[in-house]
Amino acid sequence: MPNYSFNGLVCYLQASKKHVNLGFHKGVELQEKDTDQLLQGSGKGMRHIRIKKMEEINPDVFSSMIKEAMALNEL
């Protein structure tokens, strides 16, 4: 499972048979920025976006969330 970092862990991609998760290590802190309410999960800190179809990929939204996650590591 690839993890991506910038001053610490930022996000990861997790593939399964029927979907791919774009996960965020500080997902709980991202939830207030998630205006499209894409983040799922109930763990202490991590959240993910479940992608089941190519049409669900929104590059602008995903890029924005990744940049926000990177900014959290600069605090």
N, C-alpha and C. Protein backbone atom coordinates (compact mmCIF):
# COMPACT_ATOMS: atom_id res chain seq x y z
N MET A 1 0.84 -1.17 0.00
CA MET A 1 0.00 0.00 0.00
C MET A 1 0.90 1.24 0.00
N PRO A 2 0.87 2.01 -1.07
CA PRO A 2 1.72 3.20 -1.12
C PRO A 2 1.22 4.30 -0.19
N ASN A 3 2.17 4.88 0.52
CA ASN A 3 1.91 6.03 1.39
C ASN A 3 2.68 7.21 0.84
N TYR A 4 2.11 8.38 0.97
CA TYR A 4 2.76 9.58 0.47
C TYR A 4 2.96 10.54 1.65
N SER A 5 4.14 11.18 1.65
CA SER A 5 4.46 12.02 2.80
C SER A 5 4.97 13.39 2.36
N PHE A 6 4.81 14.33 3.27
CA PHE A 6 5.33 15.68 3.15
C PHE A 6 5.42 16.18 4.59
N ASN A 7 6.62 16.25 5.11
CA ASN A 7 6.81 16.58 6.53
C ASN A 7 6.03 15.62 7.43
N GLY A 8 5.93 14.39 7.03
CA GLY A 8 5.15 13.37 7.74
C GLY A 8 4.17 12.73 6.79
N LEU A 9 3.47 11.71 7.27
CA LEU A 9 2.52 10.99 6.43
C LEU A 9 1.34 11.89 6.06
N VAL A 10 0.93 11.82 4.78
CA VAL A 10 -0.17 12.64 4.28
C VAL A 10 -1.34 11.75 3.87
N CYS A 11 -1.12 10.87 2.90
CA CYS A 11 -2.21 10.06 2.37
C CYS A 11 -1.68 8.72 1.86
N TYR A 12 -2.61 7.85 1.51
CA TYR A 12 -2.25 6.53 1.01
C TYR A 12 -3.30 6.07 0.00
N LEU A 13 -2.93 5.09 -0.80
CA LEU A 13 -3.86 4.43 -1.71
C LEU A 13 -3.94 2.96 -1.31
N GLN A 14 -5.14 2.48 -1.15
CA GLN A 14 -5.35 1.08 -0.78
C GLN A 14 -6.32 0.47 -1.78
N ALA A 15 -5.84 -0.53 -2.51
CA ALA A 15 -6.67 -1.18 -3.52
C ALA A 15 -7.29 -2.45 -2.96
N SER A 16 -8.54 -2.68 -3.33
CA SER A 16 -9.20 -3.95 -3.05
C SER A 16 -9.90 -4.39 -4.34
N LYS A 17 -10.59 -5.50 -4.30
CA LYS A 17 -11.18 -6.03 -5.52
C LYS A 17 -12.25 -5.11 -6.13
N LYS A 18 -13.03 -4.45 -5.29
CA LYS A 18 -14.16 -3.68 -5.81
C LYS A 18 -14.04 -2.17 -5.66
N HIS A 19 -12.97 -1.69 -5.03
CA HIS A 19 -12.81 -0.26 -4.85
C HIS A 19 -11.36 0.08 -4.52
N VAL A 20 -11.10 1.39 -4.52
CA VAL A 20 -9.80 1.92 -4.09
C VAL A 20 -10.10 2.98 -3.04
N ASN A 21 -9.33 2.97 -1.97
CA ASN A 21 -9.46 4.01 -0.95
C ASN A 21 -8.32 5.01 -1.10
N LEU A 22 -8.68 6.29 -1.13
CA LEU A 22 -7.71 7.36 -0.98
C LEU A 22 -7.84 7.78 0.47
N GLY A 23 -6.85 7.41 1.26
CA GLY A 23 -6.94 7.64 2.70
C GLY A 23 -6.05 8.77 3.17
N PHE A 24 -6.46 9.37 4.27
CA PHE A 24 -5.73 10.49 4.86
C PHE A 24 -5.39 10.16 6.30
N HIS A 25 -4.12 10.28 6.64
CA HIS A 25 -3.66 9.95 7.98
C HIS A 25 -4.23 10.90 9.03
N LYS A 26 -4.47 12.15 8.68
CA LYS A 26 -5.09 13.12 9.59
C LYS A 26 -6.48 13.48 9.08
N GLY A 27 -7.22 12.47 8.69
CA GLY A 27 -8.53 12.67 8.09
C GLY A 27 -9.54 13.35 8.98
N VAL A 28 -9.48 13.08 10.28
CA VAL A 28 -10.42 13.72 11.20
C VAL A 28 -10.25 15.24 11.14
N GLU A 29 -9.02 15.69 11.04
CA GLU A 29 -8.76 17.13 10.96
C GLU A 29 -9.17 17.73 9.62
N LEU A 30 -9.31 16.88 8.60
CA LEU A 30 -9.73 17.35 7.27
C LEU A 30 -11.25 17.45 7.13
N GLN A 31 -11.99 16.82 8.02
CA GLN A 31 -13.43 16.72 7.83
C GLN A 31 -14.12 18.08 7.69
N GLU A 32 -13.67 19.10 8.39
CA GLU A 32 -14.32 20.41 8.28
C GLU A 32 -14.08 21.03 6.91
N LYS A 33 -13.03 20.63 6.20
CA LYS A 33 -12.74 21.13 4.85
C LYS A 33 -13.44 20.30 3.77
N ASP A 34 -14.04 19.19 4.16
CA ASP A 34 -14.67 18.25 3.24
C ASP A 34 -16.09 18.69 2.92
N THR A 35 -16.23 19.73 2.12
CA THR A 35 -17.55 20.29 1.81
C THR A 35 -18.42 19.33 1.00
N ASP A 36 -17.80 18.40 0.28
CA ASP A 36 -18.55 17.41 -0.51
C ASP A 36 -18.91 16.18 0.31
N GLN A 37 -18.48 16.13 1.56
CA GLN A 37 -18.73 15.02 2.48
C GLN A 37 -18.35 13.67 1.87
N LEU A 38 -17.12 13.60 1.39
CA LEU A 38 -16.60 12.38 0.78
C LEU A 38 -15.89 11.47 1.78
N LEU A 39 -15.39 12.04 2.87
CA LEU A 39 -14.60 11.27 3.82
C LEU A 39 -15.48 10.29 4.60
N GLN A 40 -14.96 9.08 4.73
CA GLN A 40 -15.65 8.02 5.47
C GLN A 40 -14.70 7.46 6.52
N GLY A 41 -15.28 6.74 7.46
CA GLY A 41 -14.47 6.07 8.47
C GLY A 41 -14.84 6.54 9.85
N SER A 42 -14.44 5.75 10.83
CA SER A 42 -14.80 6.08 12.21
C SER A 42 -13.64 5.87 13.17
N GLY A 43 -12.43 5.73 12.65
CA GLY A 43 -11.27 5.55 13.51
C GLY A 43 -10.90 6.82 14.24
N LYS A 44 -9.86 6.73 15.06
CA LYS A 44 -9.43 7.88 15.86
C LYS A 44 -8.95 9.04 15.00
N GLY A 45 -8.23 8.77 13.93
CA GLY A 45 -7.65 9.86 13.17
C GLY A 45 -7.79 9.76 11.66
N MET A 46 -7.76 8.55 11.14
CA MET A 46 -7.74 8.38 9.69
C MET A 46 -9.15 8.40 9.10
N ARG A 47 -9.23 8.89 7.88
CA ARG A 47 -10.46 8.85 7.09
C ARG A 47 -10.08 8.52 5.65
N HIS A 48 -11.05 8.08 4.86
CA HIS A 48 -10.76 7.71 3.47
C HIS A 48 -11.92 8.09 2.57
N ILE A 49 -11.61 8.18 1.29
CA ILE A 49 -12.61 8.34 0.25
C ILE A 49 -12.64 7.03 -0.52
N ARG A 50 -13.78 6.40 -0.58
CA ARG A 50 -13.93 5.14 -1.30
C ARG A 50 -14.32 5.43 -2.74
N ILE A 51 -13.55 4.90 -3.68
CA ILE A 51 -13.78 5.12 -5.10
C ILE A 51 -14.13 3.78 -5.74
N LYS A 52 -15.35 3.68 -6.26
CA LYS A 52 -15.81 2.44 -6.86
C LYS A 52 -15.83 2.49 -8.39
N LYS A 53 -15.92 3.70 -8.94
CA LYS A 53 -15.98 3.87 -10.40
C LYS A 53 -15.07 5.02 -10.80
N MET A 54 -14.53 4.94 -11.99
CA MET A 54 -13.65 5.99 -12.50
C MET A 54 -14.36 7.34 -12.49
N GLU A 55 -15.66 7.35 -12.73
CA GLU A 55 -16.43 8.59 -12.79
C GLU A 55 -16.46 9.31 -11.44
N GLU A 56 -16.18 8.60 -10.36
CA GLU A 56 -16.19 9.20 -9.02
C GLU A 56 -14.92 10.00 -8.72
N ILE A 57 -13.94 9.89 -9.59
CA ILE A 57 -12.68 10.61 -9.37
C ILE A 57 -12.87 12.07 -9.79
N ASN A 58 -12.67 12.96 -8.83
CA ASN A 58 -12.78 14.39 -9.08
C ASN A 58 -11.41 15.00 -8.79
N PRO A 59 -10.58 15.18 -9.83
CA PRO A 59 -9.21 15.65 -9.62
C PRO A 59 -9.11 16.95 -8.84
N ASP A 60 -10.00 17.89 -9.08
CA ASP A 60 -9.93 19.18 -8.38
C ASP A 60 -10.18 19.01 -6.88
N VAL A 61 -11.21 18.25 -6.54
CA VAL A 61 -11.53 18.02 -5.13
C VAL A 61 -10.43 17.22 -4.45
N PHE A 62 -9.98 16.15 -5.09
CA PHE A 62 -8.94 15.31 -4.50
C PHE A 62 -7.64 16.09 -4.31
N SER A 63 -7.26 16.89 -5.31
CA SER A 63 -6.03 17.69 -5.20
C SER A 63 -6.15 18.68 -4.05
N SER A 64 -7.29 19.29 -3.93
CA SER A 64 -7.51 20.26 -2.86
C SER A 64 -7.38 19.59 -1.49
N MET A 65 -7.95 18.41 -1.35
CA MET A 65 -7.88 17.70 -0.07
C MET A 65 -6.46 17.25 0.25
N ILE A 66 -5.73 16.82 -0.76
CA ILE A 66 -4.34 16.43 -0.55
C ILE A 66 -3.51 17.64 -0.12
N LYS A 67 -3.74 18.78 -0.76
CA LYS A 67 -3.02 20.00 -0.37
C LYS A 67 -3.37 20.42 1.06
N GLU A 68 -4.63 20.29 1.43
CA GLU A 68 -5.04 20.60 2.81
C GLU A 68 -4.36 19.65 3.80
N ALA A 69 -4.27 18.37 3.42
CA ALA A 69 -3.61 17.38 4.28
C ALA A 69 -2.12 17.69 4.42
N MET A 70 -1.50 18.14 3.35
CA MET A 70 -0.10 18.54 3.42
C MET A 70 0.07 19.74 4.35
N ALA A 71 -0.84 20.70 4.27
CA ALA A 71 -0.77 21.89 5.11
C ALA A 71 -0.88 21.53 6.59
N LEU A 72 -1.63 20.49 6.91
CA LEU A 72 -1.73 20.06 8.31
C LEU A 72 -0.36 19.64 8.87
N ASN A 73 0.50 19.14 8.01
CA ASN A 73 1.82 18.71 8.46
C ASN A 73 2.78 19.88 8.61
N GLU A 74 2.39 21.06 8.21
CA GLU A 74 3.24 22.24 8.37
C GLU A 74 2.97 22.97 9.67
N LEU A 75 1.90 22.59 10.37
CA LEU A 75 1.55 23.26 11.63
C LEU A 75 2.47 22.85 12.75
